[in-house]
Amino acid sequence: MGCPAGIGPEIIIKAFAANPKWLMIPPAVVIGDMNILKRASKALDINISIKSWMPGDPFSNSAIYVITRTGLNIEDVPWGKPNSATGKASFEYITEGIKLCQGKRLSGLVTAPISKVGLKLAGIDYPGHTEILADRTNTKRYAMMLAGDKLRVTLVTIHCPLREVADSISTEKIFEIISLTDFSLKNEFGLKKPKIAVAGLNPHGGESGMFGHEEEQVITPAIKMAKGKGIMASGPYPPDTVFYQAINGKFDAVVCQYHDQGLIPFKLIHFRDGVNLTLGLPIIRTSVDHGTAYDLAGTGKADCASLEAAIRLASKIVLNRMRYVEDAGSKNK
């Protein structure tokens, strides 16, 4: 459900109301708080049944089924104002989802936005979802992908100050992100021979060393390593042209050296319907590609398009992973 004070509860109600088939034989249930969801339903003037549920319970009638982890008093959770209680609740929803996915009780996890401030107020020392997921699943190699119908980007560095990016990238790290991207495109997106572009770091891709040497000394060796493993990676490409080529079908994904290099073009194209996907995890996890939008919380104006896309992509990945395992099994016979 994400942060109880943010737009997560509202976009959940909107998304389920807009997709009534999800209520009949649910591909999605909610881990969260009944009181908060009912408040969101009332604020939106959407009359929808909300019922408590636990894995193993039967489904009956049309309803949003909720794995209840908290029973917050709505008076203590004003819209748009995170506090220690909302931070603790957000963390509980995530850890419960991880546990249920690890135990095969749920097939995937879709996360609504949380607040780093709320986590900090609750004394929880994680900067965000990705780090919680990696730690709780004991995952050492992971990456962030932003995915849409026209563009997919993965990031070599994520929440890193711009002045530290050049020192934070390495040949090994770039090769790792290329490998994770290739595996995801095959395993989770069903692409048999994905083409991966690798963006340079400097203007014009370094211009043969005139504007920096990272392309020649750090990025190109990683691409050669990937090619040696049979991965269809190429580059490094000037960042000012590679995204245009990708959205016109030349590449299936672009590996980006830093956060905004990838997210600026991605959000220009997929601001409403982009999905955040964590690569490398043993469980399936997708997320909205936006924040808690506290300024919109409780107003009814929040857009649920990214959440709808995240749920659909998670469902697609579940099926694609099953097919990938089946195909791998048949090849080994």
C-alpha atoms as a PDB file:
ATOM      1  CA  MET A   1       0.000   0.000   0.000  1.00  0.00           C
ATOM      2  CA  GLY A   2       2.963   2.318   0.414  1.00  0.00           C
ATOM      3  CA  CYS A   3       2.878   5.292   2.751  1.00  0.00           C
ATOM      4  CA  PRO A   4      -0.588   5.588   4.370  1.00  0.00           C
ATOM      5  CA  ALA A   5      -0.382   9.388   4.181  1.00  0.00           C
ATOM      6  CA  GLY A   6       0.508   9.468   0.483  1.00  0.00           C
ATOM      7  CA  ILE A   7      -1.396   8.765  -2.714  1.00  0.00           C
ATOM      8  CA  GLY A   8      -0.848   4.997  -2.544  1.00  0.00           C
ATOM      9  CA  PRO A   9      -4.238   4.169  -0.965  1.00  0.00           C
ATOM     10  CA  GLU A  10      -6.075   6.399  -3.458  1.00  0.00           C
ATOM     11  CA  ILE A  11      -4.427   5.021  -6.588  1.00  0.00           C
ATOM     12  CA  ILE A  12      -5.078   1.485  -5.330  1.00  0.00           C
ATOM     13  CA  ILE A  13      -8.805   2.211  -4.975  1.00  0.00           C
ATOM     14  CA  LYS A  14      -8.873   3.909  -8.390  1.00  0.00           C
ATOM     15  CA  ALA A  15      -6.955   1.103 -10.096  1.00  0.00           C
ATOM     16  CA  PHE A  16      -9.190  -1.648  -8.726  1.00  0.00           C
ATOM     17  CA  ALA A  17     -12.346   0.311  -9.493  1.00  0.00           C
ATOM     18  CA  ALA A  18     -11.146   0.828 -13.086  1.00  0.00           C
ATOM     19  CA  ASN A  19     -10.324  -2.885 -13.488  1.00  0.00           C
ATOM     20  CA  PRO A  20     -13.266  -4.797 -12.003  1.00  0.00           C
ATOM     21  CA  LYS A  21     -11.923  -8.130 -13.286  1.00  0.00           C
ATOM     22  CA  TRP A  22      -9.185  -7.814 -10.651  1.00  0.00           C
ATOM     23  CA  LEU A  23     -11.935  -8.043  -8.011  1.00  0.00           C
ATOM     24  CA  MET A  24     -13.474 -11.299  -9.227  1.00  0.00           C
ATOM     25  CA  ILE A  25     -10.559 -13.755  -9.253  1.00  0.00           C
ATOM     26  CA  PRO A  26      -7.889 -11.364  -8.021  1.00  0.00           C
ATOM     27  CA  PRO A  27      -4.523 -11.290  -9.732  1.00  0.00           C
ATOM     28  CA  ALA A  28      -3.829  -8.704  -7.016  1.00  0.00           C
ATOM     29  CA  VAL A  29      -4.527  -8.377  -3.294  1.00  0.00           C
ATOM     30  CA  VAL A  30      -3.466  -5.477  -1.087  1.00  0.00           C
ATOM     31  CA  ILE A  31      -1.053  -5.607   1.845  1.00  0.00           C
ATOM     32  CA  GLY A  32      -1.959  -2.632   3.984  1.00  0.00           C
ATOM     33  CA  ASP A  33      -4.549  -1.076   6.269  1.00  0.00           C
ATOM     34  CA  MET A  34      -8.339  -1.435   6.030  1.00  0.00           C
ATOM     35  CA  ASN A  35      -9.028   1.891   7.787  1.00  0.00           C
ATOM     36  CA  ILE A  36      -6.812   3.864   5.429  1.00  0.00           C
ATOM     37  CA  LEU A  37      -8.194   2.181   2.316  1.00  0.00           C
ATOM     38  CA  LYS A  38     -11.770   2.840   3.442  1.00  0.00           C
ATOM     39  CA  ARG A  39     -10.891   6.481   4.041  1.00  0.00           C
ATOM     40  CA  ALA A  40      -9.463   6.694   0.524  1.00  0.00           C
ATOM     41  CA  SER A  41     -12.579   5.058  -0.915  1.00  0.00           C
ATOM     42  CA  LYS A  42     -14.768   7.585   0.886  1.00  0.00           C
ATOM     43  CA  ALA A  43     -12.624  10.540  -0.213  1.00  0.00           C
ATOM     44  CA  LEU A  44     -12.889   9.383  -3.832  1.00  0.00           C
ATOM     45  CA  ASP A  45     -16.623   8.675  -3.505  1.00  0.00           C
ATOM     46  CA  ILE A  46     -16.001   5.186  -4.885  1.00  0.00           C
ATOM     47  CA  ASN A  47     -18.269   2.596  -3.325  1.00  0.00           C
ATOM     48  CA  ILE A  48     -16.241  -0.604  -3.359  1.00  0.00           C
ATOM     49  CA  SER A  49     -16.186  -3.577  -0.992  1.00  0.00           C
ATOM     50  CA  ILE A  50     -12.984  -3.963   1.055  1.00  0.00           C
ATOM     51  CA  LYS A  51     -12.466  -7.255   2.902  1.00  0.00           C
ATOM     52  CA  SER A  52      -9.788  -8.733   5.137  1.00  0.00           C
ATOM     53  CA  TRP A  53      -7.986 -11.743   3.640  1.00  0.00           C
ATOM     54  CA  MET A  54      -5.052 -14.053   4.321  1.00  0.00           C
ATOM     55  CA  PRO A  55      -3.338 -16.505   1.962  1.00  0.00           C
ATOM     56  CA  GLY A  56      -5.327 -19.712   1.918  1.00  0.00           C
ATOM     57  CA  ASP A  57      -8.656 -17.993   2.563  1.00  0.00           C
ATOM     58  CA  PRO A  58     -11.307 -18.403  -0.142  1.00  0.00           C
ATOM     59  CA  PHE A  59     -12.404 -15.528  -2.356  1.00  0.00           C
ATOM     60  CA  SER A  60     -16.102 -14.743  -2.281  1.00  0.00           C
ATOM     61  CA  ASN A  61     -17.922 -11.999  -4.124  1.00  0.00           C
ATOM     62  CA  SER A  62     -16.371  -8.933  -5.709  1.00  0.00           C
ATOM     63  CA  ALA A  63     -14.073  -7.034  -3.326  1.00  0.00           C
ATOM     64  CA  ILE A  64     -10.627  -5.621  -2.701  1.00  0.00           C
ATOM     65  CA  TYR A  65      -8.992  -8.261  -0.514  1.00  0.00           C
ATOM     66  CA  VAL A  66      -6.571  -6.899   2.077  1.00  0.00           C
ATOM     67  CA  ILE A  67      -3.822  -8.634   4.007  1.00  0.00           C
ATOM     68  CA  THR A  68      -4.131  -6.419   7.073  1.00  0.00           C
ATOM     69  CA  ARG A  69      -0.818  -5.501   8.685  1.00  0.00           C
ATOM     70  CA  THR A  70      -1.844  -2.342  10.576  1.00  0.00           C
ATOM     71  CA  GLY A  71      -4.966  -0.816  12.097  1.00  0.00           C
ATOM     72  CA  LEU A  72      -4.099   2.856  12.036  1.00  0.00           C
ATOM     73  CA  ASN A  73      -6.374   5.511  13.464  1.00  0.00           C
ATOM     74  CA  ILE A  74      -7.128   7.837  10.563  1.00  0.00           C
ATOM     75  CA  GLU A  75      -7.066  10.817  12.952  1.00  0.00           C
ATOM     76  CA  ASP A  76      -3.380  10.084  13.544  1.00  0.00           C
ATOM     77  CA  VAL A  77      -2.585   9.929   9.823  1.00  0.00           C
ATOM     78  CA  PRO A  78      -3.514  13.233   8.172  1.00  0.00           C
ATOM     79  CA  TRP A  79      -3.220  13.257   4.393  1.00  0.00           C
ATOM     80  CA  GLY A  80       0.163  14.386   3.117  1.00  0.00           C
ATOM     81  CA  LYS A  81       2.006  14.296   6.445  1.00  0.00           C
ATOM     82  CA  PRO A  82       4.341  11.352   7.015  1.00  0.00           C
ATOM     83  CA  ASN A  83       5.315  10.478  10.556  1.00  0.00           C
ATOM     84  CA  SER A  84       6.978   7.639  12.442  1.00  0.00           C
ATOM     85  CA  ALA A  85       3.777   5.557  12.362  1.00  0.00           C
ATOM     86  CA  THR A  86       3.414   5.816   8.579  1.00  0.00           C
ATOM     87  CA  GLY A  87       7.103   5.008   8.098  1.00  0.00           C
ATOM     88  CA  LYS A  88       6.843   1.922  10.301  1.00  0.00           C
ATOM     89  CA  ALA A  89       3.643   0.825   8.535  1.00  0.00           C
ATOM     90  CA  SER A  90       5.204   1.223   5.076  1.00  0.00           C
ATOM     91  CA  PHE A  91       8.120  -0.941   6.142  1.00  0.00           C
ATOM     92  CA  GLU A  92       5.792  -3.623   7.551  1.00  0.00           C
ATOM     93  CA  TYR A  93       3.843  -3.842   4.281  1.00  0.00           C
ATOM     94  CA  ILE A  94       7.043  -4.322   2.277  1.00  0.00           C
ATOM     95  CA  THR A  95       8.565  -6.946   4.563  1.00  0.00           C
ATOM     96  CA  GLU A  96       5.285  -8.881   4.689  1.00  0.00           C
ATOM     97  CA  GLY A  97       5.123  -8.870   0.892  1.00  0.00           C
ATOM     98  CA  ILE A  98       8.701 -10.111   0.612  1.00  0.00           C
ATOM     99  CA  LYS A  99       8.032 -12.896   3.114  1.00  0.00           C
ATOM    100  CA  LEU A 100       4.861 -14.038   1.333  1.00  0.00           C
ATOM    101  CA  CYS A 101       6.598 -14.037  -2.056  1.00  0.00           C
ATOM    102  CA  GLN A 102       9.572 -15.971  -0.675  1.00  0.00           C
ATOM    103  CA  GLY A 103       7.135 -18.501   0.762  1.00  0.00           C
ATOM    104  CA  LYS A 104       5.362 -18.819  -2.613  1.00  0.00           C
ATOM    105  CA  ARG A 105       2.091 -17.599  -1.080  1.00  0.00           C
ATOM    106  CA  LEU A 106       2.059 -14.674  -3.527  1.00  0.00           C
ATOM    107  CA  SER A 107       3.590 -14.721  -7.005  1.00  0.00           C
ATOM    108  CA  GLY A 108       4.869 -11.147  -7.138  1.00  0.00           C
ATOM    109  CA  LEU A 109       5.058  -7.815  -5.334  1.00  0.00           C
ATOM    110  CA  VAL A 110       3.888  -4.421  -6.624  1.00  0.00           C
ATOM    111  CA  THR A 111       4.800  -1.454  -4.444  1.00  0.00           C
ATOM    112  CA  ALA A 112       3.076   1.900  -4.059  1.00  0.00           C
ATOM    113  CA  PRO A 113       5.338   4.844  -3.115  1.00  0.00           C
ATOM    114  CA  ILE A 114       6.926   5.233   0.302  1.00  0.00           C
ATOM    115  CA  SER A 115       8.618   8.147   2.031  1.00  0.00           C
ATOM    116  CA  LYS A 116      12.305   8.145   2.878  1.00  0.00           C
ATOM    117  CA  VAL A 117      11.451  10.783   5.503  1.00  0.00           C
ATOM    118  CA  GLY A 118       8.834   8.479   7.042  1.00  0.00           C
ATOM    119  CA  LEU A 119      11.317   5.593   7.221  1.00  0.00           C
ATOM    120  CA  LYS A 120      13.855   7.859   8.894  1.00  0.00           C
ATOM    121  CA  LEU A 121      11.316   9.098  11.441  1.00  0.00           C
ATOM    122  CA  ALA A 122      10.549   5.469  12.276  1.00  0.00           C
ATOM    123  CA  GLY A 123      14.246   4.743  12.804  1.00  0.00           C
ATOM    124  CA  ILE A 124      14.457   2.498   9.740  1.00  0.00           C
ATOM    125  CA  ASP A 125      17.821   2.943   8.076  1.00  0.00           C
ATOM    126  CA  TYR A 126      17.080   2.255   4.407  1.00  0.00           C
ATOM    127  CA  PRO A 127      17.037   4.875   1.640  1.00  0.00           C
ATOM    128  CA  GLY A 128      14.183   3.185  -0.226  1.00  0.00           C
ATOM    129  CA  HIS A 129      12.388   0.112  -1.534  1.00  0.00           C
ATOM    130  CA  THR A 130      15.246  -1.261  -3.614  1.00  0.00           C
ATOM    131  CA  GLU A 131      17.682  -1.445  -0.721  1.00  0.00           C
ATOM    132  CA  ILE A 132      15.079  -3.083   1.559  1.00  0.00           C
ATOM    133  CA  LEU A 133      14.298  -5.689  -1.093  1.00  0.00           C
ATOM    134  CA  ALA A 134      17.953  -6.442  -1.781  1.00  0.00           C
ATOM    135  CA  ASP A 135      18.796  -6.769   1.912  1.00  0.00           C
ATOM    136  CA  ARG A 136      15.768  -8.874   2.873  1.00  0.00           C
ATOM    137  CA  THR A 137      16.278 -11.271  -0.052  1.00  0.00           C
ATOM    138  CA  ASN A 138      20.071 -11.393   0.436  1.00  0.00           C
ATOM    139  CA  THR A 139      20.600 -10.142  -3.112  1.00  0.00           C
ATOM    140  CA  LYS A 140      24.051  -8.765  -3.912  1.00  0.00           C
ATOM    141  CA  ARG A 141      23.645  -8.150  -7.658  1.00  0.00           C
ATOM    142  CA  TYR A 142      20.639  -6.012  -8.486  1.00  0.00           C
ATOM    143  CA  ALA A 143      19.663  -3.097 -10.680  1.00  0.00           C
ATOM    144  CA  MET A 144      16.866  -0.608 -11.265  1.00  0.00           C
ATOM    145  CA  MET A 145      15.044  -0.698 -14.585  1.00  0.00           C
ATOM    146  CA  LEU A 146      12.388   1.769 -15.688  1.00  0.00           C
ATOM    147  CA  ALA A 147      10.149   0.128 -18.279  1.00  0.00           C
ATOM    148  CA  GLY A 148       7.510   1.352 -20.693  1.00  0.00           C
ATOM    149  CA  ASP A 149       6.168   0.324 -24.064  1.00  0.00           C
ATOM    150  CA  LYS A 150       8.622   2.557 -25.946  1.00  0.00           C
ATOM    151  CA  LEU A 151      11.683   2.757 -23.719  1.00  0.00           C
ATOM    152  CA  ARG A 152      13.495   0.705 -21.060  1.00  0.00           C
ATOM    153  CA  VAL A 153      16.470   2.040 -19.115  1.00  0.00           C
ATOM    154  CA  THR A 154      18.696   0.496 -16.447  1.00  0.00           C
ATOM    155  CA  LEU A 155      21.023   2.418 -14.158  1.00  0.00           C
ATOM    156  CA  VAL A 156      24.665   1.767 -13.273  1.00  0.00           C
ATOM    157  CA  THR A 157      24.550   4.248 -10.368  1.00  0.00           C
ATOM    158  CA  ILE A 158      21.279   5.196  -8.678  1.00  0.00           C
ATOM    159  CA  HIS A 159      21.112   7.638  -5.764  1.00  0.00           C
ATOM    160  CA  CYS A 160      24.615   8.989  -6.208  1.00  0.00           C
ATOM    161  CA  PRO A 161      25.639  12.690  -6.197  1.00  0.00           C
ATOM    162  CA  LEU A 162      26.512  13.814  -9.702  1.00  0.00           C
ATOM    163  CA  ARG A 163      30.013  14.905  -8.677  1.00  0.00           C
ATOM    164  CA  GLU A 164      30.737  11.283  -7.583  1.00  0.00           C
ATOM    165  CA  VAL A 165      29.395   9.448 -10.640  1.00  0.00           C
ATOM    166  CA  ALA A 166      32.646   9.219 -12.623  1.00  0.00           C
ATOM    167  CA  ASP A 167      34.438   7.639  -9.661  1.00  0.00           C
ATOM    168  CA  SER A 168      31.487   5.325  -8.915  1.00  0.00           C
ATOM    169  CA  ILE A 169      31.258   3.559 -12.272  1.00  0.00           C
ATOM    170  CA  SER A 170      33.592   0.670 -13.030  1.00  0.00           C
ATOM    171  CA  THR A 171      34.040  -1.859 -15.808  1.00  0.00           C
ATOM    172  CA  GLU A 172      32.843  -4.649 -13.518  1.00  0.00           C
ATOM    173  CA  LYS A 173      29.751  -2.727 -12.401  1.00  0.00           C
ATOM    174  CA  ILE A 174      28.757  -1.780 -15.947  1.00  0.00           C
ATOM    175  CA  PHE A 175      29.227  -5.377 -17.114  1.00  0.00           C
ATOM    176  CA  GLU A 176      27.043  -6.543 -14.210  1.00  0.00           C
ATOM    177  CA  ILE A 177      24.223  -4.146 -15.159  1.00  0.00           C
ATOM    178  CA  ILE A 178      24.455  -5.172 -18.832  1.00  0.00           C
ATOM    179  CA  SER A 179      24.224  -8.836 -17.772  1.00  0.00           C
ATOM    180  CA  LEU A 180      21.245  -8.238 -15.476  1.00  0.00           C
ATOM    181  CA  THR A 181      19.519  -6.263 -18.226  1.00  0.00           C
ATOM    182  CA  ASP A 182      20.095  -9.037 -20.770  1.00  0.00           C
ATOM    183  CA  PHE A 183      18.789 -11.715 -18.389  1.00  0.00           C
ATOM    184  CA  SER A 184      15.692  -9.682 -17.556  1.00  0.00           C
ATOM    185  CA  LEU A 185      14.860  -8.948 -21.182  1.00  0.00           C
ATOM    186  CA  LYS A 186      15.038 -12.673 -21.938  1.00  0.00           C
ATOM    187  CA  ASN A 187      13.581 -14.088 -18.729  1.00  0.00           C
ATOM    188  CA  GLU A 188      10.976 -11.462 -17.847  1.00  0.00           C
ATOM    189  CA  PHE A 189      10.123  -9.710 -21.110  1.00  0.00           C
ATOM    190  CA  GLY A 190      10.305 -12.770 -23.355  1.00  0.00           C
ATOM    191  CA  LEU A 191      12.831 -11.340 -25.836  1.00  0.00           C
ATOM    192  CA  LYS A 192      15.007 -14.046 -27.388  1.00  0.00           C
ATOM    193  CA  LYS A 193      17.825 -11.828 -28.707  1.00  0.00           C
ATOM    194  CA  PRO A 194      17.616  -8.451 -26.944  1.00  0.00           C
ATOM    195  CA  LYS A 195      19.715  -5.563 -28.209  1.00  0.00           C
ATOM    196  CA  ILE A 196      21.238  -3.411 -25.456  1.00  0.00           C
ATOM    197  CA  ALA A 197      22.710   0.047 -25.943  1.00  0.00           C
ATOM    198  CA  VAL A 198      25.207   1.413 -23.434  1.00  0.00           C
ATOM    199  CA  ALA A 199      25.249   5.178 -22.997  1.00  0.00           C
ATOM    200  CA  GLY A 200      28.476   7.077 -22.579  1.00  0.00           C
ATOM    201  CA  LEU A 201      29.130   9.306 -19.594  1.00  0.00           C
ATOM    202  CA  ASN A 202      30.527  12.443 -21.185  1.00  0.00           C
ATOM    203  CA  PRO A 203      29.216  14.879 -23.836  1.00  0.00           C
ATOM    204  CA  HIS A 204      29.376  13.323 -27.306  1.00  0.00           C
ATOM    205  CA  GLY A 205      30.536  10.066 -25.735  1.00  0.00           C
ATOM    206  CA  GLY A 206      33.839  11.656 -24.764  1.00  0.00           C
ATOM    207  CA  GLU A 207      34.686  12.749 -28.337  1.00  0.00           C
ATOM    208  CA  SER A 208      37.698  10.384 -28.586  1.00  0.00           C
ATOM    209  CA  GLY A 209      38.997  11.451 -25.189  1.00  0.00           C
ATOM    210  CA  MET A 210      38.628  15.216 -25.704  1.00  0.00           C
ATOM    211  CA  PHE A 211      35.847  15.467 -23.088  1.00  0.00           C
ATOM    212  CA  GLY A 212      36.776  12.549 -20.831  1.00  0.00           C
ATOM    213  CA  HIS A 213      38.336   9.094 -20.881  1.00  0.00           C
ATOM    214  CA  GLU A 214      35.671   7.007 -19.135  1.00  0.00           C
ATOM    215  CA  GLU A 215      34.251   5.766 -22.445  1.00  0.00           C
ATOM    216  CA  GLU A 216      37.595   4.329 -23.602  1.00  0.00           C
ATOM    217  CA  GLN A 217      38.977   3.193 -20.253  1.00  0.00           C
ATOM    218  CA  VAL A 218      35.900   2.026 -18.322  1.00  0.00           C
ATOM    219  CA  ILE A 219      32.775   1.587 -20.481  1.00  0.00           C
ATOM    220  CA  THR A 220      34.161   0.011 -23.672  1.00  0.00           C
ATOM    221  CA  PRO A 221      35.926  -2.842 -21.795  1.00  0.00           C
ATOM    222  CA  ALA A 222      32.596  -3.695 -20.103  1.00  0.00           C
ATOM    223  CA  ILE A 223      30.844  -3.884 -23.476  1.00  0.00           C
ATOM    224  CA  LYS A 224      33.601  -6.159 -24.807  1.00  0.00           C
ATOM    225  CA  MET A 225      33.180  -8.425 -21.762  1.00  0.00           C
ATOM    226  CA  ALA A 226      29.430  -8.608 -22.411  1.00  0.00           C
ATOM    227  CA  LYS A 227      29.942  -9.450 -26.075  1.00  0.00           C
ATOM    228  CA  GLY A 228      32.326 -12.188 -25.002  1.00  0.00           C
ATOM    229  CA  LYS A 229      29.415 -13.724 -23.075  1.00  0.00           C
ATOM    230  CA  GLY A 230      27.183 -13.667 -26.133  1.00  0.00           C
ATOM    231  CA  ILE A 231      25.238 -10.561 -25.088  1.00  0.00           C
ATOM    232  CA  MET A 232      24.170  -8.228 -27.904  1.00  0.00           C
ATOM    233  CA  ALA A 233      25.503  -5.041 -26.290  1.00  0.00           C
ATOM    234  CA  SER A 234      26.949  -2.096 -28.164  1.00  0.00           C
ATOM    235  CA  GLY A 235      28.233   1.407 -27.561  1.00  0.00           C
ATOM    236  CA  PRO A 236      29.162   3.542 -25.784  1.00  0.00           C
ATOM    237  CA  TYR A 237      26.755   5.882 -27.549  1.00  0.00           C
ATOM    238  CA  PRO A 238      26.492   9.643 -27.092  1.00  0.00           C
ATOM    239  CA  PRO A 239      23.716  10.191 -24.538  1.00  0.00           C
ATOM    240  CA  ASP A 240      22.101  12.907 -26.657  1.00  0.00           C
ATOM    241  CA  THR A 241      21.205  10.468 -29.482  1.00  0.00           C
ATOM    242  CA  VAL A 242      20.888   6.966 -27.995  1.00  0.00           C
ATOM    243  CA  PHE A 243      17.426   7.429 -26.495  1.00  0.00           C
ATOM    244  CA  TYR A 244      15.978   8.630 -29.798  1.00  0.00           C
ATOM    245  CA  GLN A 245      17.355   5.487 -31.427  1.00  0.00           C
ATOM    246  CA  ALA A 246      15.919   3.296 -28.659  1.00  0.00           C
ATOM    247  CA  ILE A 247      12.380   4.646 -28.827  1.00  0.00           C
ATOM    248  CA  ASN A 248      12.458   4.117 -32.586  1.00  0.00           C
ATOM    249  CA  GLY A 249      13.160   0.418 -32.164  1.00  0.00           C
ATOM    250  CA  LYS A 250      16.916   0.084 -32.634  1.00  0.00           C
ATOM    251  CA  PHE A 251      17.486  -1.082 -29.035  1.00  0.00           C
ATOM    252  CA  ASP A 252      15.433  -2.974 -26.441  1.00  0.00           C
ATOM    253  CA  ALA A 253      17.031  -1.195 -23.481  1.00  0.00           C
ATOM    254  CA  VAL A 254      19.615   1.462 -22.678  1.00  0.00           C
ATOM    255  CA  VAL A 255      22.152   1.041 -19.868  1.00  0.00           C
ATOM    256  CA  CYS A 256      22.660   4.490 -18.324  1.00  0.00           C
ATOM    257  CA  GLN A 257      25.558   5.642 -16.184  1.00  0.00           C
ATOM    258  CA  TYR A 258      23.598   7.727 -13.684  1.00  0.00           C
ATOM    259  CA  HIS A 259      20.086   8.376 -12.403  1.00  0.00           C
ATOM    260  CA  ASP A 260      18.948  11.425 -14.335  1.00  0.00           C
ATOM    261  CA  GLN A 261      20.654  10.364 -17.557  1.00  0.00           C
ATOM    262  CA  GLY A 262      18.067   7.603 -17.777  1.00  0.00           C
ATOM    263  CA  LEU A 263      15.097   9.041 -15.922  1.00  0.00           C
ATOM    264  CA  ILE A 264      14.830  12.365 -17.755  1.00  0.00           C
ATOM    265  CA  PRO A 265      14.206  10.827 -21.214  1.00  0.00           C
ATOM    266  CA  PHE A 266      12.180   7.992 -19.685  1.00  0.00           C
ATOM    267  CA  LYS A 267       9.778  10.262 -17.836  1.00  0.00           C
ATOM    268  CA  LEU A 268       9.495  12.545 -20.853  1.00  0.00           C
ATOM    269  CA  ILE A 269       8.033   9.553 -22.718  1.00  0.00           C
ATOM    270  CA  HIS A 270       6.424   7.542 -19.905  1.00  0.00           C
ATOM    271  CA  PHE A 271       5.526  10.064 -17.190  1.00  0.00           C
ATOM    272  CA  ARG A 272       2.055   8.528 -16.647  1.00  0.00           C
ATOM    273  CA  ASP A 273       2.599   4.839 -17.307  1.00  0.00           C
ATOM    274  CA  GLY A 274       6.211   4.069 -16.466  1.00  0.00           C
ATOM    275  CA  VAL A 275       7.071   1.106 -14.228  1.00  0.00           C
ATOM    276  CA  ASN A 276      10.015   0.652 -11.864  1.00  0.00           C
ATOM    277  CA  LEU A 277      11.361  -2.921 -11.919  1.00  0.00           C
ATOM    278  CA  THR A 278      14.086  -4.345  -9.661  1.00  0.00           C
ATOM    279  CA  LEU A 279      16.342  -6.756 -11.566  1.00  0.00           C
ATOM    280  CA  GLY A 280      18.269  -9.575  -9.958  1.00  0.00           C
ATOM    281  CA  LEU A 281      15.849 -10.402  -7.137  1.00  0.00           C
ATOM    282  CA  PRO A 282      14.663 -13.961  -6.505  1.00  0.00           C
ATOM    283  CA  ILE A 283      11.123 -12.549  -6.284  1.00  0.00           C
ATOM    284  CA  ILE A 284       9.198 -10.448  -8.796  1.00  0.00           C
ATOM    285  CA  ARG A 285       8.906  -6.784  -7.855  1.00  0.00           C
ATOM    286  CA  THR A 286       7.494  -3.893  -9.846  1.00  0.00           C
ATOM    287  CA  SER A 287       6.551  -0.421  -8.649  1.00  0.00           C
ATOM    288  CA  VAL A 288       5.082   2.874  -9.705  1.00  0.00           C
ATOM    289  CA  ASP A 289       7.721   5.257 -11.056  1.00  0.00           C
ATOM    290  CA  HIS A 290       6.560   8.228  -8.981  1.00  0.00           C
ATOM    291  CA  GLY A 291       6.660   9.357  -5.373  1.00  0.00           C
ATOM    292  CA  THR A 292       4.133   9.813  -2.592  1.00  0.00           C
ATOM    293  CA  ALA A 293       2.840  13.131  -4.039  1.00  0.00           C
ATOM    294  CA  TYR A 294       1.837  14.411  -0.607  1.00  0.00           C
ATOM    295  CA  ASP A 295       0.531  17.620  -2.162  1.00  0.00           C
ATOM    296  CA  LEU A 296      -2.134  15.545  -3.991  1.00  0.00           C
ATOM    297  CA  ALA A 297      -2.965  13.108  -1.191  1.00  0.00           C
ATOM    298  CA  GLY A 298      -6.636  13.229  -0.262  1.00  0.00           C
ATOM    299  CA  THR A 299      -7.614  15.449  -3.208  1.00  0.00           C
ATOM    300  CA  GLY A 300      -8.709  12.649  -5.537  1.00  0.00           C
ATOM    301  CA  LYS A 301      -6.480  14.005  -8.315  1.00  0.00           C
ATOM    302  CA  ALA A 302      -3.769  11.312  -8.241  1.00  0.00           C
ATOM    303  CA  ASP A 303      -3.323   9.319 -11.463  1.00  0.00           C
ATOM    304  CA  CYS A 304      -3.342   5.512 -11.128  1.00  0.00           C
ATOM    305  CA  ALA A 305      -1.931   4.780 -14.626  1.00  0.00           C
ATOM    306  CA  SER A 306       1.553   3.852 -13.380  1.00  0.00           C
ATOM    307  CA  LEU A 307       0.120   1.484 -10.750  1.00  0.00           C
ATOM    308  CA  GLU A 308      -2.092  -0.194 -13.339  1.00  0.00           C
ATOM    309  CA  ALA A 309       0.931  -0.632 -15.609  1.00  0.00           C
ATOM    310  CA  ALA A 310       3.008  -2.012 -12.711  1.00  0.00           C
ATOM    311  CA  ILE A 311       0.367  -4.628 -11.869  1.00  0.00           C
ATOM    312  CA  ARG A 312       0.014  -5.657 -15.509  1.00  0.00           C
ATOM    313  CA  LEU A 313       3.791  -5.929 -15.936  1.00  0.00           C
ATOM    314  CA  ALA A 314       4.139  -8.007 -12.751  1.00  0.00           C
ATOM    315  CA  SER A 315       1.476 -10.389 -14.063  1.00  0.00           C
ATOM    316  CA  LYS A 316       3.256 -10.586 -17.423  1.00  0.00           C
ATOM    317  CA  ILE A 317       6.593 -11.311 -15.751  1.00  0.00           C
ATOM    318  CA  VAL A 318       5.039 -14.137 -13.713  1.00  0.00           C
ATOM    319  CA  LEU A 319       3.972 -15.824 -16.958  1.00  0.00           C
ATOM    320  CA  ASN A 320       7.219 -15.089 -18.800  1.00  0.00           C
ATOM    321  CA  ARG A 321       9.342 -16.494 -15.966  1.00  0.00           C
ATOM    322  CA  MET A 322       7.273 -19.673 -16.040  1.00  0.00           C
ATOM    323  CA  ARG A 323       7.769 -19.977 -19.812  1.00  0.00           C
ATOM    324  CA  TYR A 324      11.500 -19.262 -19.482  1.00  0.00           C
ATOM    325  CA  VAL A 325      11.893 -22.050 -16.915  1.00  0.00           C
ATOM    326  CA  GLU A 326       9.865 -24.432 -19.094  1.00  0.00           C
ATOM    327  CA  ASP A 327      11.923 -23.575 -22.192  1.00  0.00           C
ATOM    328  CA  ALA A 328      15.193 -24.005 -20.274  1.00  0.00           C
ATOM    329  CA  GLY A 329      13.964 -27.358 -18.973  1.00  0.00           C
ATOM    330  CA  SER A 330      13.018 -28.634 -22.432  1.00  0.00           C
ATOM    331  CA  LYS A 331      16.427 -27.624 -23.837  1.00  0.00           C
ATOM    332  CA  ASN A 332      18.185 -29.615 -21.119  1.00  0.00           C
ATOM    333  CA  LYS A 333      16.283 -32.813 -21.924  1.00  0.00           C
END
